Amino acid sequence: MMKILDKVQAVINQHELKPIDIDDTGTIPNVYIYLSLYPEMAKQFEPEKNDSYLLRRYKDHIPRGWYGFDIGSPVVPCWSTIIEEVLDICLEADPMFEIHQIKMKFGGIRFYCSSETIEDLHDVESLIENKLWDEKLIY
């Protein structure tokens, strides 16, 4: 068995994660309304690496019956890079690591994976859910 939580925390710490700031007045409650008012700003909420890229990169680790990735957009762009770095740590620890679902839900990333080797995978899932979350992404 192997633990990876410290490595995952180090990856997250490398990124400046701060709350989404879209409205100084407090009248726009979320990114979805903001983008309906300012569609030209959509680029700032596109992931650095989209679902198609992640699906192609990790297709051999998504078992039959699971869809793998549904992060979509809008999102904090660096989140996809963090996810990729975390997945690489997982695969280094366990080459048989499985990706079931990594998706956006309730304003944050949900990370559902499986490993027979990674002892603290549930702690990693919780860390990702707590760190890759923003109230402005709740619609």
N, C-alpha and C. Protein backbone atom coordinates (compact mmCIF):
# COMPACT_ATOMS: atom_id res chain seq x y z
N MET A 1 0.84 -1.19 0.00
CA MET A 1 0.00 0.00 0.00
C MET A 1 0.88 1.25 0.00
N MET A 2 0.34 2.29 -0.60
CA MET A 2 1.10 3.52 -0.75
C MET A 2 0.20 4.73 -0.47
N LYS A 3 0.80 5.79 0.10
CA LYS A 3 0.07 7.02 0.36
C LYS A 3 0.58 8.11 -0.59
N ILE A 4 -0.36 8.92 -1.09
CA ILE A 4 0.01 9.97 -2.05
C ILE A 4 -0.52 11.35 -1.66
N LEU A 5 -1.24 11.45 -0.55
CA LEU A 5 -1.90 12.70 -0.19
C LEU A 5 -0.92 13.88 -0.12
N ASP A 6 0.26 13.68 0.43
CA ASP A 6 1.23 14.78 0.52
C ASP A 6 1.66 15.27 -0.86
N LYS A 7 1.83 14.35 -1.80
CA LYS A 7 2.19 14.75 -3.16
C LYS A 7 1.06 15.53 -3.83
N VAL A 8 -0.16 15.09 -3.60
CA VAL A 8 -1.32 15.77 -4.18
C VAL A 8 -1.46 17.17 -3.57
N GLN A 9 -1.27 17.28 -2.27
CA GLN A 9 -1.33 18.59 -1.62
C GLN A 9 -0.26 19.51 -2.18
N ALA A 10 0.92 18.99 -2.46
CA ALA A 10 2.00 19.79 -3.04
C ALA A 10 1.62 20.31 -4.42
N VAL A 11 0.96 19.48 -5.21
CA VAL A 11 0.49 19.92 -6.54
C VAL A 11 -0.50 21.07 -6.39
N ILE A 12 -1.45 20.91 -5.51
CA ILE A 12 -2.45 21.96 -5.31
C ILE A 12 -1.80 23.24 -4.82
N ASN A 13 -0.83 23.11 -3.93
CA ASN A 13 -0.15 24.29 -3.39
C ASN A 13 0.64 25.06 -4.44
N GLN A 14 0.99 24.42 -5.54
CA GLN A 14 1.74 25.09 -6.61
C GLN A 14 0.88 26.08 -7.39
N HIS A 15 -0.43 25.98 -7.23
CA HIS A 15 -1.36 26.81 -7.99
C HIS A 15 -1.99 27.84 -7.05
N GLU A 16 -2.13 29.03 -7.55
CA GLU A 16 -2.77 30.09 -6.77
C GLU A 16 -4.28 29.98 -6.92
N LEU A 17 -4.88 29.27 -5.99
CA LEU A 17 -6.33 29.09 -6.02
C LEU A 17 -6.98 30.18 -5.18
N LYS A 18 -7.79 30.96 -5.83
CA LYS A 18 -8.51 32.03 -5.12
C LYS A 18 -9.93 32.05 -5.64
N PRO A 19 -10.85 32.60 -4.86
CA PRO A 19 -12.25 32.63 -5.30
C PRO A 19 -12.42 33.41 -6.61
N ILE A 20 -13.37 32.96 -7.39
CA ILE A 20 -13.70 33.66 -8.64
C ILE A 20 -14.27 35.03 -8.28
N ASP A 21 -13.75 36.05 -8.93
CA ASP A 21 -14.20 37.42 -8.70
C ASP A 21 -14.79 37.95 -10.01
N ILE A 22 -16.11 37.99 -10.06
CA ILE A 22 -16.77 38.43 -11.30
C ILE A 22 -17.56 39.71 -11.12
N ASP A 23 -17.78 40.13 -9.87
CA ASP A 23 -18.71 41.24 -9.67
C ASP A 23 -18.42 41.93 -8.35
N ASP A 24 -17.93 43.15 -8.41
CA ASP A 24 -17.64 43.92 -7.19
C ASP A 24 -18.91 44.36 -6.46
N THR A 25 -20.03 44.41 -7.17
CA THR A 25 -21.26 44.90 -6.57
C THR A 25 -22.04 43.82 -5.83
N GLY A 26 -21.73 42.55 -6.12
CA GLY A 26 -22.45 41.45 -5.49
C GLY A 26 -23.82 41.18 -6.09
N THR A 27 -24.08 41.73 -7.27
CA THR A 27 -25.40 41.54 -7.88
C THR A 27 -25.44 40.37 -8.86
N ILE A 28 -24.27 39.85 -9.25
CA ILE A 28 -24.23 38.71 -10.17
C ILE A 28 -23.86 37.48 -9.33
N PRO A 29 -24.81 36.57 -9.13
CA PRO A 29 -24.58 35.48 -8.17
C PRO A 29 -23.65 34.36 -8.64
N ASN A 30 -23.51 34.19 -9.96
CA ASN A 30 -22.67 33.08 -10.42
C ASN A 30 -22.11 33.34 -11.81
N VAL A 31 -21.19 32.48 -12.22
CA VAL A 31 -20.52 32.60 -13.51
C VAL A 31 -21.50 32.45 -14.66
N TYR A 32 -22.52 31.63 -14.50
CA TYR A 32 -23.46 31.37 -15.58
C TYR A 32 -24.25 32.65 -15.95
N ILE A 33 -24.69 33.37 -14.95
CA ILE A 33 -25.38 34.64 -15.21
C ILE A 33 -24.39 35.66 -15.75
N TYR A 34 -23.20 35.69 -15.18
CA TYR A 34 -22.16 36.60 -15.66
C TYR A 34 -21.90 36.38 -17.15
N LEU A 35 -21.76 35.13 -17.56
CA LEU A 35 -21.49 34.83 -18.97
C LEU A 35 -22.69 35.10 -19.86
N SER A 36 -23.89 35.02 -19.32
CA SER A 36 -25.05 35.39 -20.14
C SER A 36 -25.07 36.89 -20.40
N LEU A 37 -24.53 37.66 -19.46
CA LEU A 37 -24.44 39.12 -19.63
C LEU A 37 -23.21 39.53 -20.43
N TYR A 38 -22.13 38.76 -20.27
CA TYR A 38 -20.85 39.09 -20.91
C TYR A 38 -20.27 37.85 -21.61
N PRO A 39 -20.89 37.38 -22.67
CA PRO A 39 -20.43 36.15 -23.33
C PRO A 39 -19.00 36.25 -23.84
N GLU A 40 -18.52 37.44 -24.12
CA GLU A 40 -17.14 37.61 -24.60
C GLU A 40 -16.11 37.24 -23.53
N MET A 41 -16.53 37.05 -22.29
CA MET A 41 -15.62 36.71 -21.19
C MET A 41 -15.50 35.19 -20.99
N ALA A 42 -16.16 34.40 -21.82
CA ALA A 42 -16.18 32.94 -21.64
C ALA A 42 -14.79 32.32 -21.66
N LYS A 43 -13.89 32.89 -22.43
CA LYS A 43 -12.54 32.34 -22.58
C LYS A 43 -11.82 32.21 -21.23
N GLN A 44 -12.09 33.14 -20.31
CA GLN A 44 -11.40 33.09 -19.02
C GLN A 44 -11.86 31.94 -18.12
N PHE A 45 -12.93 31.25 -18.53
CA PHE A 45 -13.44 30.13 -17.75
C PHE A 45 -13.35 28.80 -18.50
N GLU A 46 -12.57 28.77 -19.58
CA GLU A 46 -12.36 27.53 -20.31
C GLU A 46 -11.17 26.78 -19.70
N PRO A 47 -11.29 25.46 -19.59
CA PRO A 47 -10.19 24.68 -19.00
C PRO A 47 -8.95 24.71 -19.87
N GLU A 48 -7.80 24.63 -19.22
CA GLU A 48 -6.54 24.56 -19.97
C GLU A 48 -6.47 23.29 -20.79
N LYS A 49 -7.03 22.21 -20.25
CA LYS A 49 -7.09 20.91 -20.94
C LYS A 49 -8.52 20.42 -20.82
N ASN A 50 -9.20 20.28 -21.94
CA ASN A 50 -10.63 19.96 -21.89
C ASN A 50 -10.88 18.46 -21.72
N ASP A 51 -12.16 18.12 -21.61
CA ASP A 51 -12.56 16.72 -21.41
C ASP A 51 -12.03 15.80 -22.51
N SER A 52 -12.09 16.26 -23.75
CA SER A 52 -11.61 15.43 -24.87
C SER A 52 -10.13 15.10 -24.72
N TYR A 53 -9.34 16.09 -24.35
CA TYR A 53 -7.91 15.86 -24.13
C TYR A 53 -7.71 14.84 -23.02
N LEU A 54 -8.39 15.03 -21.89
CA LEU A 54 -8.22 14.11 -20.76
C LEU A 54 -8.71 12.70 -21.11
N LEU A 55 -9.82 12.60 -21.84
CA LEU A 55 -10.31 11.28 -22.27
C LEU A 55 -9.29 10.56 -23.15
N ARG A 56 -8.72 11.28 -24.10
CA ARG A 56 -7.70 10.65 -24.96
C ARG A 56 -6.47 10.24 -24.15
N ARG A 57 -6.03 11.11 -23.27
CA ARG A 57 -4.81 10.85 -22.51
C ARG A 57 -4.96 9.65 -21.56
N TYR A 58 -6.13 9.51 -20.95
CA TYR A 58 -6.30 8.48 -19.91
C TYR A 58 -7.28 7.38 -20.29
N LYS A 59 -7.58 7.23 -21.57
CA LYS A 59 -8.60 6.26 -22.02
C LYS A 59 -8.32 4.84 -21.54
N ASP A 60 -7.06 4.46 -21.42
CA ASP A 60 -6.72 3.10 -21.01
C ASP A 60 -6.98 2.86 -19.52
N HIS A 61 -7.32 3.91 -18.78
CA HIS A 61 -7.56 3.78 -17.35
C HIS A 61 -9.01 4.03 -16.97
N ILE A 62 -9.88 4.11 -17.99
CA ILE A 62 -11.32 4.27 -17.77
C ILE A 62 -11.98 2.94 -18.11
N PRO A 63 -12.44 2.20 -17.09
CA PRO A 63 -13.04 0.89 -17.36
C PRO A 63 -14.36 1.01 -18.11
N ARG A 64 -14.71 -0.04 -18.77
CA ARG A 64 -15.98 -0.11 -19.51
C ARG A 64 -17.13 0.19 -18.54
N GLY A 65 -18.06 1.01 -19.00
CA GLY A 65 -19.21 1.36 -18.18
C GLY A 65 -19.07 2.68 -17.45
N TRP A 66 -17.89 3.24 -17.45
CA TRP A 66 -17.65 4.54 -16.81
C TRP A 66 -17.38 5.57 -17.90
N TYR A 67 -17.74 6.83 -17.64
CA TYR A 67 -17.53 7.84 -18.69
C TYR A 67 -16.27 8.65 -18.51
N GLY A 68 -15.61 8.57 -17.39
CA GLY A 68 -14.32 9.23 -17.24
C GLY A 68 -14.41 10.69 -16.87
N PHE A 69 -14.61 11.56 -17.83
CA PHE A 69 -14.52 13.00 -17.58
C PHE A 69 -15.77 13.73 -18.06
N ASP A 70 -16.26 14.63 -17.21
CA ASP A 70 -17.33 15.54 -17.57
C ASP A 70 -17.16 16.82 -16.75
N ILE A 71 -16.06 17.50 -17.00
CA ILE A 71 -15.75 18.73 -16.28
C ILE A 71 -16.42 19.90 -16.97
N GLY A 72 -16.28 19.96 -18.27
CA GLY A 72 -16.94 20.99 -19.06
C GLY A 72 -16.41 22.39 -18.81
N SER A 73 -17.28 23.36 -19.09
CA SER A 73 -16.96 24.76 -18.95
C SER A 73 -18.26 25.47 -18.63
N PRO A 74 -18.27 26.48 -17.81
CA PRO A 74 -17.15 27.20 -17.23
C PRO A 74 -16.52 26.46 -16.06
N VAL A 75 -15.25 26.76 -15.86
CA VAL A 75 -14.48 26.16 -14.79
C VAL A 75 -13.27 27.06 -14.52
N VAL A 76 -12.64 26.88 -13.39
CA VAL A 76 -11.37 27.57 -13.14
C VAL A 76 -10.34 26.87 -14.04
N PRO A 77 -9.74 27.58 -14.98
CA PRO A 77 -8.89 26.93 -16.00
C PRO A 77 -7.80 26.01 -15.47
N CYS A 78 -7.13 26.37 -14.38
CA CYS A 78 -6.02 25.54 -13.90
C CYS A 78 -6.47 24.24 -13.26
N TRP A 79 -7.77 24.09 -12.98
CA TRP A 79 -8.23 22.86 -12.36
C TRP A 79 -7.92 21.64 -13.21
N SER A 80 -8.03 21.75 -14.52
CA SER A 80 -7.75 20.59 -15.38
C SER A 80 -6.28 20.22 -15.32
N THR A 81 -5.42 21.19 -15.19
CA THR A 81 -3.98 20.91 -15.06
C THR A 81 -3.71 20.21 -13.73
N ILE A 82 -4.34 20.69 -12.67
CA ILE A 82 -4.19 20.04 -11.36
C ILE A 82 -4.67 18.60 -11.45
N ILE A 83 -5.82 18.38 -12.07
CA ILE A 83 -6.35 17.02 -12.21
C ILE A 83 -5.36 16.14 -12.96
N GLU A 84 -4.81 16.65 -14.04
CA GLU A 84 -3.84 15.87 -14.81
C GLU A 84 -2.62 15.51 -13.96
N GLU A 85 -2.11 16.46 -13.21
CA GLU A 85 -0.95 16.19 -12.36
C GLU A 85 -1.28 15.17 -11.27
N VAL A 86 -2.46 15.27 -10.69
CA VAL A 86 -2.89 14.30 -9.67
C VAL A 86 -3.04 12.91 -10.28
N LEU A 87 -3.63 12.83 -11.46
CA LEU A 87 -3.77 11.53 -12.11
C LEU A 87 -2.41 10.91 -12.42
N ASP A 88 -1.46 11.72 -12.80
CA ASP A 88 -0.11 11.19 -13.05
C ASP A 88 0.51 10.64 -11.77
N ILE A 89 0.28 11.29 -10.65
CA ILE A 89 0.76 10.78 -9.35
C ILE A 89 0.08 9.44 -9.05
N CYS A 90 -1.22 9.38 -9.28
CA CYS A 90 -1.97 8.14 -9.03
C CYS A 90 -1.45 6.99 -9.89
N LEU A 91 -1.22 7.28 -11.16
CA LEU A 91 -0.75 6.23 -12.08
C LEU A 91 0.69 5.80 -11.78
N GLU A 92 1.48 6.71 -11.27
CA GLU A 92 2.84 6.34 -10.87
C GLU A 92 2.79 5.41 -9.65
N ALA A 93 1.85 5.67 -8.75
CA ALA A 93 1.69 4.84 -7.56
C ALA A 93 1.03 3.50 -7.87
N ASP A 94 0.13 3.51 -8.86
CA ASP A 94 -0.62 2.30 -9.21
C ASP A 94 -0.93 2.29 -10.71
N PRO A 95 -0.16 1.56 -11.48
CA PRO A 95 -0.41 1.50 -12.93
C PRO A 95 -1.78 0.91 -13.29
N MET A 96 -2.43 0.24 -12.35
CA MET A 96 -3.76 -0.32 -12.58
C MET A 96 -4.88 0.62 -12.08
N PHE A 97 -4.52 1.82 -11.69
CA PHE A 97 -5.44 2.84 -11.22
C PHE A 97 -6.58 3.04 -12.22
N GLU A 98 -7.81 3.16 -11.72
CA GLU A 98 -8.98 3.33 -12.59
C GLU A 98 -9.64 4.67 -12.35
N ILE A 99 -10.02 5.31 -13.44
CA ILE A 99 -10.77 6.56 -13.40
C ILE A 99 -12.23 6.21 -13.70
N HIS A 100 -13.10 6.48 -12.76
CA HIS A 100 -14.52 6.21 -12.98
C HIS A 100 -15.22 7.48 -13.47
N GLN A 101 -15.21 8.50 -12.64
CA GLN A 101 -15.82 9.78 -13.01
C GLN A 101 -15.01 10.92 -12.40
N ILE A 102 -14.69 11.89 -13.19
CA ILE A 102 -14.14 13.15 -12.71
C ILE A 102 -14.99 14.21 -13.38
N LYS A 103 -15.79 14.90 -12.57
CA LYS A 103 -16.79 15.78 -13.14
C LYS A 103 -16.99 17.01 -12.28
N MET A 104 -17.69 17.98 -12.87
CA MET A 104 -18.10 19.18 -12.15
C MET A 104 -19.49 18.93 -11.59
N LYS A 105 -19.64 19.21 -10.28
CA LYS A 105 -20.94 19.04 -9.65
C LYS A 105 -21.00 19.95 -8.42
N PHE A 106 -22.09 20.67 -8.27
CA PHE A 106 -22.28 21.56 -7.13
C PHE A 106 -21.13 22.55 -6.95
N GLY A 107 -20.60 23.06 -8.06
CA GLY A 107 -19.57 24.09 -8.01
C GLY A 107 -18.16 23.59 -7.82
N GLY A 108 -17.97 22.28 -7.86
CA GLY A 108 -16.62 21.76 -7.64
C GLY A 108 -16.37 20.46 -8.38
N ILE A 109 -15.15 20.03 -8.30
CA ILE A 109 -14.73 18.79 -8.96
C ILE A 109 -15.04 17.61 -8.04
N ARG A 110 -15.66 16.62 -8.62
CA ARG A 110 -15.87 15.33 -7.93
C ARG A 110 -14.92 14.34 -8.60
N PHE A 111 -14.20 13.62 -7.78
CA PHE A 111 -13.10 12.78 -8.23
C PHE A 111 -13.40 11.37 -7.74
N TYR A 112 -13.89 10.51 -8.63
CA TYR A 112 -14.26 9.14 -8.27
C TYR A 112 -13.35 8.18 -9.02
N CYS A 113 -12.45 7.56 -8.29
CA CYS A 113 -11.47 6.65 -8.89
C CYS A 113 -11.33 5.43 -8.01
N SER A 114 -10.53 4.47 -8.47
CA SER A 114 -10.35 3.23 -7.74
C SER A 114 -8.90 2.77 -7.82
N SER A 115 -8.43 2.23 -6.69
CA SER A 115 -7.07 1.69 -6.65
C SER A 115 -6.98 0.64 -5.56
N GLU A 116 -6.27 -0.42 -5.86
CA GLU A 116 -5.98 -1.45 -4.86
C GLU A 116 -4.69 -1.12 -4.11
N THR A 117 -3.95 -0.13 -4.59
CA THR A 117 -2.62 0.18 -4.06
C THR A 117 -2.57 1.47 -3.25
N ILE A 118 -3.34 2.46 -3.67
CA ILE A 118 -3.29 3.78 -3.02
C ILE A 118 -4.16 3.77 -1.77
N GLU A 119 -3.49 3.81 -0.66
CA GLU A 119 -4.14 3.66 0.64
C GLU A 119 -5.04 4.85 1.01
N ASP A 120 -4.64 6.05 0.63
CA ASP A 120 -5.36 7.26 1.05
C ASP A 120 -6.13 7.92 -0.10
N LEU A 121 -6.62 7.13 -1.03
CA LEU A 121 -7.33 7.67 -2.18
C LEU A 121 -8.59 8.44 -1.77
N HIS A 122 -9.29 7.99 -0.75
CA HIS A 122 -10.48 8.72 -0.30
C HIS A 122 -10.11 10.08 0.27
N ASP A 123 -8.96 10.16 0.92
CA ASP A 123 -8.47 11.46 1.42
C ASP A 123 -8.13 12.38 0.25
N VAL A 124 -7.57 11.82 -0.80
CA VAL A 124 -7.26 12.59 -2.01
C VAL A 124 -8.56 13.11 -2.63
N GLU A 125 -9.56 12.24 -2.74
CA GLU A 125 -10.85 12.65 -3.28
C GLU A 125 -11.44 13.81 -2.48
N SER A 126 -11.39 13.71 -1.16
CA SER A 126 -11.92 14.77 -0.29
C SER A 126 -11.13 16.07 -0.44
N LEU A 127 -9.82 15.97 -0.52
CA LEU A 127 -8.99 17.15 -0.70
C LEU A 127 -9.35 17.88 -2.00
N ILE A 128 -9.49 17.12 -3.07
CA ILE A 128 -9.84 17.71 -4.36
C ILE A 128 -11.22 18.38 -4.28
N GLU A 129 -12.18 17.71 -3.67
CA GLU A 129 -13.52 18.29 -3.55
C GLU A 129 -13.50 19.58 -2.73
N ASN A 130 -12.64 19.66 -1.73
CA ASN A 130 -12.57 20.85 -0.89
C ASN A 130 -11.76 21.98 -1.50
N LYS A 131 -10.74 21.66 -2.26
CA LYS A 131 -9.87 22.69 -2.83
C LYS A 131 -10.31 23.16 -4.22
N LEU A 132 -10.88 22.27 -5.01
CA LEU A 132 -11.32 22.61 -6.36
C LEU A 132 -12.83 22.83 -6.34
N TRP A 133 -13.20 23.91 -5.69
CA TRP A 133 -14.60 24.26 -5.50
C TRP A 133 -14.71 25.78 -5.46
N ASP A 134 -15.79 26.32 -6.03
CA ASP A 134 -16.02 27.74 -5.97
C ASP A 134 -17.53 28.00 -5.99
N GLU A 135 -18.02 28.79 -5.05
CA GLU A 135 -19.45 29.06 -4.98
C GLU A 135 -20.00 29.75 -6.23
N LYS A 136 -19.16 30.46 -6.97
CA LYS A 136 -19.61 31.14 -8.18
C LYS A 136 -19.87 30.15 -9.33
N LEU A 137 -19.50 28.88 -9.14
CA LEU A 137 -19.77 27.86 -10.15
C LEU A 137 -21.03 27.05 -9.83
N ILE A 138 -21.74 27.44 -8.79
CA ILE A 138 -23.02 26.80 -8.47
C ILE A 138 -24.11 27.56 -9.19
N TYR A 139 -24.95 26.85 -9.93
CA TYR A 139 -26.03 27.53 -10.65
C TYR A 139 -27.36 27.24 -10.05
